Amino acid sequence: MVHADASNFAEGVTKEGAYEQVLLQAEGLFDGQRNWVCNLANTASLLWHAYKSLPSPSSQVNWAGFYTLDPQKTAKPQLILGPFQGKVACQTILFGRGVCGAAASTQTTQLVPDVEKFPGHIACDGDSKSEIVVPIVVGEGDARKVVAIIDIDCADLDGFDEVDKKYLEQLAELLGRSCDCFNLTTTCVLGLGKRDASTMRYFYNKASSLLTKSFKYSPPIPRLRLGCRVARINPILVNPAFARTMATSTPPSPVLKKPLKLACVQLASGADKAANLSHAREKVLEAAQAGANLVVLPECFNSPYGCDYFPSYAETLLPSPPSHEQSPSFHALSYMAAEAKVFLIGGSIPEVEGAEEARKYYNTSLIFGPDGALLATHRKVHLFDINIPGKITFRESDVLTAGDKLTLVDLPGYGQVAVAICYDVRFPELAMIAARRGAFALIYPGAFNLTTGALHWRLQGQARAMDNQCYVALCSPARDMSASYHAWGHSLIVDPMAQVVVEAEETETIVSWELDGGKIDETRKNIPITSQRRFDVYPDVNEGKIRFE
């Protein structure tokens, strides 16, 4: 249930912390609610209260809200006032006019330290001195359309910086994929591309041919503007609930904006942590020199794998960033990513949290950007507790605590990947939610053993790719028969048609493949399961309470 406490921010919160809370609260508020007006209104409130909790100049924000694409036919495209917090504002703004119009026409963020120096500035409120406007864009290529803009004004000069830009662009992306920009009984021109137009026709055909009960008669005059064409929709019997379940089953596409070379580094790790980190650096640089944009290390790459080793190799990661003494692996990974200029998924490392009397251990993956900045973390959600009589018994839960969040990571310029660890791959719900939220690849550092690896390693990778029609990468440690735990090896990459495109043997190596967004789109077009799901028959795992990192 939505509660007003969502708008409360802790005293002394940093700007980054406030924005992270806005994003987290927005995810929760959007869960199960895809109406634009509702979501924009709540987001405006979140932003307003976030700024008021911060010191100057953020506290001097005097307007926070949205303009949306005007659904009425006009001589020139224009924005119309949407939900906001602040004084009465301009009702319409033409594309290309002022800061908002510039953001809409160029589809780029406008960061303006002094509005009086911006050509053609529209002074809705003379008190506003600086402004940031972020477009909400859907579609790709020629189908890219601005459906709305986030507009924030400040009564001080230089009220906004790159931190605001970074987080507001993340919020814009979240809004773009979390809200329906149309409904089935009204006119709407919120930038539907050709693919969306086809989807709309599909929804109507399904609704008119398959529904057998709980009908409502739709008005005889609904019109849908499909791109530049206007299509008349004949009166049909529509079950709105069913139409909605069909509509929300389609993920954003294309999900991979440009080709990306992915490399899985299959390493053997020993007892010497420093040596493990040094060896990992060598291999990350080798992968980068071969053209990799995204490099993945194996599970527990900095230590031996096993319940006996987790406590002695565990590092403190919170509060972040930790010191070098608390987490040498954190700083080594950050340095590797920056030196190699790659996105780096640092396999996983044992993590410790809390005082000795309440100490908890986690199996944690750290993800860094090409500048060495931490992008995300993932704590293993599903712990490896199995018993195959006569072959293997293992209980991670004897030592480890399970994580409680799913992890989607934005790779600027490319799209999103999901990161999970080893045993997480056996749970299709996690993968499906990630794919439905726009992930172009599911990345699993994992250490299957000689029993489970022979049975299911390849099969699991192909199954997750087939279910979700996206890329899957499994990155294993190399096999060391002198170690106490014998990893399967066979790191591999699977394409959206569930074909294993590259696979290692059991020894140390690097396997890589160029991921192509066109392959995802082609697969989903040829076998359109994303638009054929029947959430009137079975529940949607993408609905309900979902916790994200």
Protein backbone atom coordinates (compact mmCIF):
# COMPACT_ATOMS: atom_id res chain seq x y z
CA MET A 1 0.00 0.00 0.00
CA VAL A 2 1.27 3.48 -0.88
CA HIS A 3 2.04 5.59 2.20
CA ALA A 4 2.95 9.26 2.54
CA ASP A 5 6.12 8.25 4.39
CA ALA A 6 7.60 7.52 0.96
CA SER A 7 8.15 11.30 0.70
CA ASN A 8 10.18 11.47 3.93
CA PHE A 9 13.94 11.89 3.64
CA ALA A 10 16.41 11.52 6.49
CA GLU A 11 18.00 14.62 7.97
CA GLY A 12 21.49 15.13 6.57
CA VAL A 13 20.91 12.92 3.54
CA THR A 14 23.36 13.48 0.67
CA LYS A 15 22.20 14.44 -2.80
CA GLU A 16 23.19 11.01 -4.10
CA GLY A 17 21.38 9.35 -1.21
CA ALA A 18 18.24 11.39 -1.82
CA TYR A 19 18.19 10.51 -5.51
CA GLU A 20 18.78 6.83 -4.75
CA GLN A 21 15.79 6.94 -2.40
CA VAL A 22 13.70 8.62 -5.09
CA LEU A 23 14.58 5.85 -7.55
CA LEU A 24 13.89 3.13 -4.99
CA GLN A 25 10.57 4.64 -3.91
CA ALA A 26 9.59 5.21 -7.53
CA GLU A 27 10.23 1.53 -8.33
CA GLY A 28 7.89 0.61 -5.48
CA LEU A 29 5.22 3.12 -6.44
CA PHE A 30 5.27 2.02 -10.08
CA ASP A 31 4.95 -1.65 -9.10
CA GLY A 32 1.56 -2.71 -10.46
CA GLN A 33 0.70 0.87 -11.52
CA ARG A 34 1.41 1.87 -15.13
CA ASN A 35 -0.82 4.95 -15.48
CA TRP A 36 1.23 7.96 -16.57
CA VAL A 37 -0.72 10.59 -14.63
CA CYS A 38 -0.54 8.63 -11.39
CA ASN A 39 3.17 7.86 -11.69
CA LEU A 40 4.17 11.36 -12.78
CA ALA A 41 2.21 12.91 -9.92
CA ASN A 42 3.87 10.72 -7.30
CA THR A 43 7.30 11.27 -8.86
CA ALA A 44 6.85 15.05 -8.76
CA SER A 45 6.08 14.77 -5.05
CA LEU A 46 9.12 12.57 -4.41
CA LEU A 47 11.43 15.01 -6.19
CA TRP A 48 9.96 18.05 -4.46
CA HIS A 49 10.42 16.59 -0.97
CA ALA A 50 13.88 15.27 -1.85
CA TYR A 51 15.10 18.73 -2.84
CA LYS A 52 13.57 20.33 0.25
CA SER A 53 15.54 17.88 2.44
CA LEU A 54 18.88 19.00 0.94
CA PRO A 55 21.04 22.06 1.61
CA SER A 56 21.22 24.99 -0.80
CA PRO A 57 21.08 25.22 -3.76
CA SER A 58 18.93 22.08 -4.02
CA SER A 59 16.62 23.33 -1.28
CA GLN A 60 15.91 26.38 -3.46
CA VAL A 61 14.14 24.30 -6.10
CA ASN A 62 10.90 26.19 -6.73
CA TRP A 63 9.26 24.01 -9.40
CA ALA A 64 9.45 20.28 -10.07
CA GLY A 65 7.24 18.48 -12.51
CA PHE A 66 6.50 17.30 -16.02
CA TYR A 67 5.35 18.35 -19.43
CA THR A 68 3.95 15.63 -21.68
CA LEU A 69 3.50 15.39 -25.42
CA ASP A 70 0.21 17.10 -26.28
CA PRO A 71 -2.26 14.41 -27.48
CA GLN A 72 -4.23 16.93 -29.54
CA LYS A 73 -3.41 17.49 -33.19
CA THR A 74 -1.54 20.80 -33.53
CA ALA A 75 0.26 22.55 -36.38
CA LYS A 76 3.57 21.98 -34.58
CA PRO A 77 4.37 19.40 -31.91
CA GLN A 78 4.09 20.83 -28.44
CA LEU A 79 4.31 19.92 -24.78
CA ILE A 80 1.40 20.34 -22.40
CA LEU A 81 1.60 20.86 -18.65
CA GLY A 82 1.53 17.69 -16.56
CA PRO A 83 1.67 16.91 -12.82
CA PHE A 84 3.96 19.23 -10.84
CA GLN A 85 4.84 20.81 -7.50
CA GLY A 86 5.21 24.60 -7.38
CA LYS A 87 3.51 27.71 -8.74
CA VAL A 88 1.09 27.88 -11.67
CA ALA A 89 3.05 27.26 -14.88
CA CYS A 90 2.94 27.71 -18.66
CA GLN A 91 0.31 25.41 -20.13
CA THR A 92 1.90 24.61 -23.49
CA ILE A 93 5.43 24.85 -24.90
CA LEU A 94 6.31 24.34 -28.56
CA PHE A 95 9.12 21.96 -29.46
CA GLY A 96 12.29 24.03 -29.88
CA ARG A 97 11.08 26.90 -27.64
CA GLY A 98 12.90 27.60 -24.39
CA VAL A 99 14.73 25.04 -22.28
CA CYS A 100 11.88 22.51 -22.23
CA GLY A 101 11.29 22.78 -25.96
CA ALA A 102 15.01 22.39 -26.64
CA ALA A 103 15.14 19.20 -24.58
CA ALA A 104 12.10 17.85 -26.43
CA SER A 105 13.36 18.67 -29.93
CA THR A 106 16.97 17.52 -29.39
CA GLN A 107 16.08 14.58 -27.11
CA THR A 108 18.99 15.57 -24.87
CA THR A 109 19.24 16.85 -21.31
CA GLN A 110 19.50 20.63 -20.92
CA LEU A 111 21.61 21.65 -17.89
CA VAL A 112 21.28 25.44 -17.63
CA PRO A 113 23.22 27.28 -14.87
CA ASP A 114 21.67 30.67 -15.76
CA VAL A 115 18.33 30.69 -17.57
CA GLU A 116 18.69 34.35 -18.58
CA LYS A 117 21.60 33.36 -20.81
CA PHE A 118 19.65 30.58 -22.55
CA PRO A 119 18.45 31.67 -26.02
CA GLY A 120 14.66 31.97 -26.12
CA HIS A 121 14.16 31.22 -22.43
CA ILE A 122 10.47 31.24 -21.46
CA ALA A 123 10.11 32.98 -18.08
CA CYS A 124 7.08 31.25 -16.56
CA ASP A 125 8.38 32.31 -13.13
CA GLY A 126 10.76 35.23 -12.77
CA ASP A 127 12.14 33.75 -9.56
CA SER A 128 13.71 30.81 -11.42
CA LYS A 129 17.43 31.32 -12.03
CA SER A 130 18.67 27.88 -13.18
CA GLU A 131 17.02 24.83 -14.68
CA ILE A 132 17.51 21.22 -15.70
CA VAL A 133 15.24 19.49 -18.22
CA VAL A 134 15.51 15.78 -18.99
CA PRO A 135 13.57 14.18 -21.87
CA ILE A 136 11.69 10.92 -21.37
CA VAL A 137 12.31 9.04 -24.61
CA VAL A 138 10.85 5.74 -25.79
CA GLY A 139 11.81 3.64 -28.81
CA GLU A 140 15.08 3.43 -30.71
CA GLY A 141 16.52 4.68 -33.98
CA ASP A 142 13.97 6.33 -36.24
CA ALA A 143 11.22 5.35 -33.81
CA ARG A 144 12.67 7.39 -30.90
CA LYS A 145 10.01 9.72 -29.52
CA VAL A 146 9.86 12.16 -26.63
CA VAL A 147 6.75 11.37 -24.59
CA ALA A 148 7.41 13.79 -21.73
CA ILE A 149 10.10 15.86 -20.04
CA ILE A 150 11.20 16.26 -16.42
CA ASP A 151 11.52 19.97 -15.63
CA ILE A 152 13.19 21.24 -12.44
CA ASP A 153 13.68 24.97 -11.67
CA CYS A 154 15.86 26.51 -8.96
CA ALA A 155 15.75 30.01 -7.44
CA ASP A 156 19.58 30.04 -7.26
CA LEU A 157 22.12 30.19 -10.07
CA ASP A 158 24.03 26.95 -10.74
CA GLY A 159 21.36 24.94 -8.99
CA PHE A 160 22.14 21.69 -10.78
CA ASP A 161 25.20 19.65 -11.71
CA GLU A 162 26.25 16.34 -13.26
CA VAL A 163 24.94 14.42 -10.24
CA ASP A 164 21.44 15.77 -10.90
CA LYS A 165 21.81 14.95 -14.60
CA LYS A 166 22.94 11.37 -13.90
CA TYR A 167 20.10 10.49 -11.54
CA LEU A 168 17.35 12.36 -13.37
CA GLU A 169 18.28 10.55 -16.58
CA GLN A 170 17.99 7.25 -14.68
CA LEU A 171 14.58 8.39 -13.43
CA ALA A 172 13.52 9.32 -16.97
CA GLU A 173 14.52 5.87 -18.22
CA LEU A 174 12.58 4.25 -15.37
CA LEU A 175 9.48 6.30 -16.16
CA GLY A 176 9.76 5.49 -19.85
CA ARG A 177 9.62 1.75 -19.23
CA SER A 178 7.29 1.77 -16.22
CA CYS A 179 4.32 3.69 -17.60
CA ASP A 180 1.85 2.89 -20.34
CA CYS A 181 1.77 5.81 -22.76
CA PHE A 182 -1.64 4.80 -24.09
CA ASN A 183 -4.91 3.21 -23.13
CA LEU A 184 -7.37 1.33 -25.26
CA THR A 185 -10.35 3.67 -25.14
CA THR A 186 -8.87 7.13 -25.72
CA THR A 187 -6.88 9.08 -28.27
CA CYS A 188 -3.16 9.22 -27.62
CA VAL A 189 -0.14 10.39 -29.58
CA LEU A 190 2.57 9.62 -27.06
CA GLY A 191 5.10 8.60 -29.68
CA LEU A 192 4.00 5.13 -30.74
CA GLY A 193 6.44 3.59 -33.22
CA LYS A 194 5.60 1.02 -35.90
CA ARG A 195 6.27 -1.87 -33.55
CA ASP A 196 3.90 -0.38 -30.95
CA ALA A 197 1.25 0.18 -33.61
CA SER A 198 1.36 -3.48 -34.56
CA THR A 199 1.18 -4.43 -30.91
CA MET A 200 -1.87 -2.23 -30.41
CA ARG A 201 -3.67 -3.91 -33.31
CA TYR A 202 -2.71 -7.28 -31.87
CA PHE A 203 -4.18 -6.36 -28.47
CA TYR A 204 -7.46 -5.30 -30.09
CA ASN A 205 -7.71 -8.44 -32.19
CA LYS A 206 -7.03 -10.64 -29.17
CA ALA A 207 -9.47 -8.72 -27.01
CA SER A 208 -12.26 -8.96 -29.58
CA SER A 209 -11.76 -12.62 -30.45
CA LEU A 210 -10.84 -14.29 -27.15
CA LEU A 211 -12.92 -12.62 -24.45
CA THR A 212 -15.99 -14.49 -23.31
CA LYS A 213 -17.08 -12.83 -20.08
CA SER A 214 -16.95 -9.62 -18.03
CA PHE A 215 -17.29 -7.50 -21.17
CA LYS A 216 -17.78 -3.79 -21.32
CA TYR A 217 -18.90 -2.03 -24.48
CA SER A 218 -16.29 0.42 -25.70
CA PRO A 219 -17.31 3.84 -27.05
CA PRO A 220 -17.93 3.87 -30.81
CA ILE A 221 -15.39 6.61 -31.54
CA PRO A 222 -11.98 5.69 -30.10
CA ARG A 223 -9.12 6.67 -32.38
CA LEU A 224 -5.47 5.66 -32.14
CA ARG A 225 -2.80 7.81 -33.76
CA LEU A 226 -0.22 5.33 -35.01
CA GLY A 227 2.86 7.33 -35.92
CA CYS A 228 1.78 9.76 -38.66
CA ARG A 229 -1.31 7.77 -39.59
CA VAL A 230 -4.68 7.76 -37.86
CA ALA A 231 -6.49 4.44 -37.60
CA ARG A 232 -10.20 4.16 -36.89
CA ILE A 233 -10.96 1.36 -34.44
CA ASN A 234 -14.34 -0.29 -34.90
CA PRO A 235 -16.54 -0.78 -31.81
CA ILE A 236 -15.44 -3.93 -30.00
CA LEU A 237 -16.15 -5.70 -26.76
CA VAL A 238 -13.15 -5.12 -24.53
CA ASN A 239 -12.22 -6.69 -21.23
CA PRO A 240 -9.92 -3.93 -19.90
CA ALA A 241 -8.17 -6.20 -17.41
CA PHE A 242 -7.27 -8.72 -20.10
CA ALA A 243 -6.15 -6.02 -22.53
CA ARG A 244 -3.88 -4.63 -19.82
CA THR A 245 -2.28 -7.99 -19.09
CA MET A 246 -1.54 -8.45 -22.78
CA ALA A 247 -0.09 -4.93 -23.07
CA THR A 248 2.20 -5.16 -20.07
CA SER A 249 3.68 -8.46 -21.22
CA THR A 250 5.82 -6.75 -23.85
CA PRO A 251 9.28 -5.56 -22.68
CA PRO A 252 11.01 -2.49 -24.10
CA SER A 253 12.74 -3.15 -27.41
CA PRO A 254 15.36 -2.93 -28.76
CA VAL A 255 17.05 -3.53 -25.45
CA LEU A 256 20.68 -3.49 -26.67
CA LYS A 257 21.44 -0.13 -28.25
CA LYS A 258 24.67 -1.10 -30.04
CA PRO A 259 26.92 -4.17 -30.34
CA LEU A 260 28.85 -5.11 -27.22
CA LYS A 261 31.71 -7.58 -26.90
CA LEU A 262 31.35 -9.72 -23.78
CA ALA A 263 34.26 -11.71 -22.34
CA CYS A 264 34.13 -14.40 -19.63
CA VAL A 265 37.46 -14.89 -17.85
CA GLN A 266 37.81 -18.46 -16.59
CA LEU A 267 40.37 -18.30 -13.74
CA ALA A 268 41.79 -20.73 -11.23
CA SER A 269 42.04 -19.22 -7.74
CA GLY A 270 44.36 -20.30 -4.95
CA ALA A 271 44.86 -19.46 -1.29
CA ASP A 272 46.85 -16.26 -1.92
CA LYS A 273 44.33 -13.42 -2.29
CA ALA A 274 46.90 -10.89 -3.54
CA ALA A 275 48.08 -13.32 -6.21
CA ASN A 276 44.47 -14.00 -7.24
CA LEU A 277 43.80 -10.27 -7.64
CA SER A 278 46.99 -9.74 -9.61
CA HIS A 279 46.19 -12.63 -11.93
CA ALA A 280 42.65 -11.36 -12.45
CA ARG A 281 44.04 -7.96 -13.46
CA GLU A 282 46.27 -9.57 -16.09
CA LYS A 283 43.34 -11.43 -17.61
CA VAL A 284 40.99 -8.43 -17.53
CA LEU A 285 43.59 -6.39 -19.41
CA GLU A 286 44.05 -9.24 -21.87
CA ALA A 287 40.31 -9.38 -22.52
CA ALA A 288 40.15 -5.60 -22.97
CA GLN A 289 43.05 -5.63 -25.42
CA ALA A 290 41.10 -8.18 -27.45
CA GLY A 291 38.23 -5.71 -27.74
CA ALA A 292 35.94 -6.62 -24.84
CA ASN A 293 33.57 -3.92 -23.58
CA LEU A 294 32.18 -6.01 -20.72
CA VAL A 295 34.35 -8.46 -18.78
CA VAL A 296 33.07 -11.05 -16.30
CA LEU A 297 35.09 -12.82 -13.61
CA PRO A 298 34.06 -16.09 -11.90
CA GLU A 299 32.37 -16.70 -8.57
CA CYS A 300 34.80 -16.38 -5.62
CA PHE A 301 37.61 -15.37 -7.97
CA ASN A 302 39.68 -13.90 -5.11
CA SER A 303 39.66 -16.99 -2.86
CA PRO A 304 39.12 -20.73 -2.76
CA TYR A 305 35.43 -21.66 -2.93
CA GLY A 306 33.84 -23.35 0.07
CA CYS A 307 32.02 -22.76 3.35
CA ASP A 308 35.26 -23.15 5.30
CA TYR A 309 36.84 -20.28 3.36
CA PHE A 310 34.07 -17.67 3.38
CA PRO A 311 34.75 -16.18 6.86
CA SER A 312 38.53 -15.98 6.54
CA TYR A 313 38.44 -14.31 3.10
CA ALA A 314 35.42 -12.07 3.74
CA GLU A 315 35.78 -8.31 3.26
CA THR A 316 33.76 -5.37 4.57
CA LEU A 317 31.99 -3.51 1.76
CA LEU A 318 29.65 -1.20 3.69
CA PRO A 319 29.59 1.70 4.12
CA SER A 320 30.72 2.20 0.55
CA PRO A 321 33.37 2.85 -0.51
CA PRO A 322 35.30 0.76 1.99
CA SER A 323 38.92 1.48 2.85
CA HIS A 324 41.74 -0.45 1.20
CA GLU A 325 42.21 -2.35 4.43
CA GLN A 326 38.54 -3.30 4.63
CA SER A 327 38.31 -4.49 1.03
CA PRO A 328 41.41 -4.84 -1.13
CA SER A 329 39.27 -6.65 -3.71
CA PHE A 330 36.91 -3.66 -4.08
CA HIS A 331 39.78 -1.33 -4.89
CA ALA A 332 41.54 -3.87 -7.10
CA LEU A 333 38.38 -4.33 -9.19
CA SER A 334 37.81 -0.59 -9.43
CA TYR A 335 41.38 -0.12 -10.62
CA MET A 336 41.10 -2.98 -13.13
CA ALA A 337 37.95 -1.52 -14.68
CA ALA A 338 39.47 1.95 -14.99
CA GLU A 339 42.80 0.68 -16.29
CA ALA A 340 41.17 -1.58 -18.88
CA LYS A 341 38.38 0.94 -19.61
CA VAL A 342 35.71 -1.76 -19.49
CA PHE A 343 32.54 -2.55 -17.62
CA LEU A 344 33.63 -5.17 -15.10
CA ILE A 345 31.44 -7.71 -13.32
CA GLY A 346 33.78 -8.79 -10.57
CA GLY A 347 32.56 -12.36 -10.24
CA SER A 348 31.89 -12.58 -6.52
CA ILE A 349 33.77 -12.21 -3.27
CA PRO A 350 32.90 -13.21 0.32
CA GLU A 351 31.47 -10.19 2.17
CA VAL A 352 31.14 -9.64 5.93
CA GLU A 353 28.76 -7.19 7.56
CA GLY A 354 28.06 -6.25 11.15
CA ALA A 355 29.74 -6.51 14.53
CA GLU A 356 31.08 -9.85 15.68
CA GLU A 357 28.02 -10.75 17.76
CA ALA A 358 25.69 -10.10 14.79
CA ARG A 359 28.05 -10.83 11.92
CA LYS A 360 26.65 -11.89 8.56
CA TYR A 361 28.43 -13.25 5.51
CA TYR A 362 27.31 -12.83 1.91
CA ASN A 363 28.42 -13.99 -1.52
CA THR A 364 28.59 -10.64 -3.31
CA SER A 365 29.25 -9.43 -6.83
CA LEU A 366 30.65 -5.93 -7.46
CA ILE A 367 30.06 -4.22 -10.80
CA PHE A 368 32.23 -1.29 -11.95
CA GLY A 369 32.16 1.10 -14.88
CA PRO A 370 35.02 2.07 -17.24
CA ASP A 371 35.84 5.01 -14.96
CA GLY A 372 36.27 2.70 -11.96
CA ALA A 373 33.05 3.83 -10.30
CA LEU A 374 30.88 1.24 -8.56
CA LEU A 375 27.68 0.72 -10.56
CA ALA A 376 25.94 -1.94 -8.48
CA THR A 377 26.30 -4.88 -6.12
CA HIS A 378 24.48 -8.20 -6.02
CA ARG A 379 24.25 -10.46 -3.01
CA LYS A 380 23.52 -14.06 -3.97
CA VAL A 381 19.78 -14.52 -3.47
CA HIS A 382 19.49 -18.31 -3.59
CA LEU A 383 21.97 -20.21 -1.43
CA PHE A 384 23.47 -23.48 -2.67
CA ASP A 385 21.95 -26.09 -0.34
CA ILE A 386 21.79 -29.50 -2.04
CA ASN A 387 22.12 -33.17 -1.24
CA ILE A 388 22.66 -35.67 -4.05
CA PRO A 389 23.29 -38.95 -2.18
CA GLY A 390 26.59 -40.55 -3.01
CA LYS A 391 27.78 -37.55 -5.02
CA ILE A 392 27.67 -34.18 -3.25
CA THR A 393 26.22 -32.46 -0.20
CA PHE A 394 26.70 -28.71 0.20
CA ARG A 395 25.04 -26.11 2.46
CA GLU A 396 26.00 -22.49 1.90
CA SER A 397 23.33 -21.47 4.40
CA ASP A 398 25.47 -22.90 7.21
CA VAL A 399 27.67 -19.82 6.77
CA LEU A 400 26.12 -17.39 4.30
CA THR A 401 23.08 -15.13 4.50
CA ALA A 402 20.93 -14.79 1.39
CA GLY A 403 20.61 -11.48 -0.40
CA ASP A 404 17.14 -10.01 -0.79
CA LYS A 405 17.26 -7.97 -3.99
CA LEU A 406 17.42 -8.46 -7.75
CA THR A 407 20.11 -6.56 -9.60
CA LEU A 408 19.75 -4.72 -12.90
CA VAL A 409 22.77 -2.70 -13.99
CA ASP A 410 22.65 0.13 -16.50
CA LEU A 411 25.61 0.15 -18.88
CA PRO A 412 25.43 3.67 -20.37
CA GLY A 413 25.31 3.59 -24.14
CA TYR A 414 24.35 -0.08 -24.28
CA GLY A 415 21.40 -0.91 -22.02
CA GLN A 416 20.83 -3.05 -18.97
CA VAL A 417 22.20 -6.39 -17.82
CA ALA A 418 21.05 -8.53 -14.93
CA VAL A 419 23.65 -9.94 -12.56
CA ALA A 420 23.07 -13.00 -10.38
CA ILE A 421 25.32 -15.67 -8.90
CA CYS A 422 25.58 -19.40 -9.60
CA TYR A 423 22.60 -21.14 -7.95
CA ASP A 424 20.45 -18.10 -8.83
CA VAL A 425 20.41 -19.40 -12.42
CA ARG A 426 18.10 -22.25 -11.40
CA PHE A 427 15.29 -19.84 -10.60
CA PRO A 428 13.56 -18.71 -13.80
CA GLU A 429 11.50 -16.07 -12.01
CA LEU A 430 14.57 -13.92 -11.37
CA ALA A 431 15.63 -14.14 -15.01
CA MET A 432 12.15 -13.45 -16.37
CA ILE A 433 11.66 -10.35 -14.23
CA ALA A 434 15.04 -9.02 -15.34
CA ALA A 435 14.30 -9.64 -19.02
CA ARG A 436 10.84 -8.11 -18.71
CA ARG A 437 12.45 -5.03 -17.16
CA GLY A 438 14.68 -4.64 -20.21
CA ALA A 439 17.87 -6.64 -19.60
CA PHE A 440 19.61 -7.64 -22.85
CA ALA A 441 21.81 -10.18 -21.06
CA LEU A 442 21.68 -12.32 -17.92
CA ILE A 443 25.15 -12.67 -16.38
CA TYR A 444 25.91 -15.46 -13.91
CA PRO A 445 29.34 -15.88 -12.31
CA GLY A 446 29.05 -19.45 -11.04
CA ALA A 447 31.00 -22.39 -9.66
CA PHE A 448 29.04 -25.51 -10.55
CA ASN A 449 30.84 -28.71 -9.53
CA LEU A 450 31.56 -31.91 -11.45
CA THR A 451 28.15 -33.34 -10.55
CA THR A 452 25.83 -30.38 -11.12
CA GLY A 453 27.96 -29.03 -13.96
CA ALA A 454 27.74 -32.22 -15.98
CA LEU A 455 24.00 -32.39 -15.36
CA HIS A 456 22.76 -28.85 -15.77
CA TRP A 457 25.37 -26.13 -16.47
CA ARG A 458 24.85 -25.90 -20.23
CA LEU A 459 21.16 -26.72 -19.92
CA GLN A 460 20.51 -23.90 -17.44
CA GLY A 461 22.20 -21.34 -19.67
CA GLN A 462 20.17 -22.42 -22.68
CA ALA A 463 16.94 -22.59 -20.69
CA ARG A 464 17.25 -19.02 -19.38
CA ALA A 465 18.10 -17.78 -22.89
CA MET A 466 15.17 -19.65 -24.43
CA ASP A 467 12.70 -18.47 -21.77
CA ASN A 468 13.63 -14.83 -22.15
CA GLN A 469 15.04 -14.54 -25.69
CA CYS A 470 18.13 -12.66 -24.57
CA TYR A 471 21.82 -13.40 -24.14
CA VAL A 472 23.07 -15.46 -21.19
CA ALA A 473 26.66 -15.74 -19.93
CA LEU A 474 27.91 -18.27 -17.36
CA CYS A 475 31.43 -17.61 -16.05
CA SER A 476 33.09 -20.42 -14.07
CA PRO A 477 36.39 -20.79 -12.26
CA ALA A 478 38.87 -23.02 -14.06
CA ARG A 479 39.03 -26.59 -12.78
CA ASP A 480 41.79 -27.38 -10.27
CA MET A 481 41.77 -31.02 -9.20
CA SER A 482 44.25 -30.25 -6.40
CA ALA A 483 41.75 -27.89 -4.75
CA SER A 484 39.15 -28.95 -2.18
CA TYR A 485 36.31 -27.91 -4.53
CA HIS A 486 36.38 -28.98 -8.16
CA ALA A 487 34.72 -26.42 -10.43
CA TRP A 488 33.12 -27.53 -13.67
CA GLY A 489 34.66 -24.87 -15.90
CA HIS A 490 33.06 -24.63 -19.36
CA SER A 491 32.29 -20.90 -19.22
CA LEU A 492 29.87 -20.16 -22.04
CA ILE A 493 27.73 -17.59 -23.81
CA VAL A 494 24.26 -18.40 -25.18
CA ASP A 495 22.43 -16.34 -27.81
CA PRO A 496 18.71 -15.38 -27.78
CA MET A 497 17.84 -18.49 -29.82
CA ALA A 498 19.32 -20.59 -26.98
CA GLN A 499 22.32 -21.67 -29.03
CA VAL A 500 25.67 -21.93 -27.24
CA VAL A 501 27.84 -19.68 -29.40
CA VAL A 502 31.11 -20.13 -27.49
CA GLU A 503 32.20 -22.47 -24.69
CA ALA A 504 35.46 -23.06 -22.83
CA GLU A 505 36.97 -26.36 -21.75
CA GLU A 506 37.88 -26.76 -18.07
CA THR A 507 41.27 -24.96 -18.08
CA GLU A 508 42.10 -21.26 -17.76
CA THR A 509 40.98 -19.28 -20.79
CA ILE A 510 38.92 -16.33 -22.00
CA VAL A 511 35.81 -16.81 -24.12
CA SER A 512 34.15 -13.85 -25.81
CA TRP A 513 31.33 -13.02 -28.19
CA GLU A 514 29.87 -9.88 -29.73
CA LEU A 515 26.29 -9.37 -28.58
CA ASP A 516 23.96 -7.92 -31.21
CA GLY A 517 20.66 -6.28 -30.33
CA GLY A 518 19.29 -7.21 -33.74
CA LYS A 519 19.52 -10.87 -32.78
CA ILE A 520 17.28 -10.23 -29.77
CA ASP A 521 14.75 -8.32 -31.86
CA GLU A 522 14.76 -10.94 -34.62
CA THR A 523 14.20 -13.78 -32.15
CA ARG A 524 11.33 -12.00 -30.43
CA LYS A 525 9.74 -11.16 -33.78
CA ASN A 526 10.00 -14.69 -35.15
CA ILE A 527 8.86 -16.41 -31.94
CA PRO A 528 6.75 -13.68 -30.28
CA ILE A 529 6.28 -15.17 -26.83
CA THR A 530 6.64 -11.73 -25.26
CA SER A 531 3.25 -10.71 -26.67
CA GLN A 532 1.56 -14.10 -26.34
CA ARG A 533 1.67 -14.59 -22.58
CA ARG A 534 -1.74 -15.22 -20.99
CA PHE A 535 -1.86 -13.43 -17.67
CA ASP A 536 -5.63 -13.93 -17.65
CA VAL A 537 -4.85 -17.65 -17.19
CA TYR A 538 -1.80 -17.53 -14.89
CA PRO A 539 -0.15 -14.82 -12.76
CA ASP A 540 2.55 -12.46 -13.96
CA VAL A 541 5.81 -12.80 -12.01
CA ASN A 542 6.62 -9.21 -13.00
CA GLU A 543 3.73 -7.92 -10.90
CA GLY A 544 3.63 -7.66 -7.13
CA LYS A 545 6.43 -6.92 -4.70
CA ILE A 546 9.88 -7.03 -6.31
CA ARG A 547 12.98 -5.71 -4.57
CA PHE A 548 15.79 -4.27 -6.69
CA GLU A 549 19.34 -3.35 -5.77
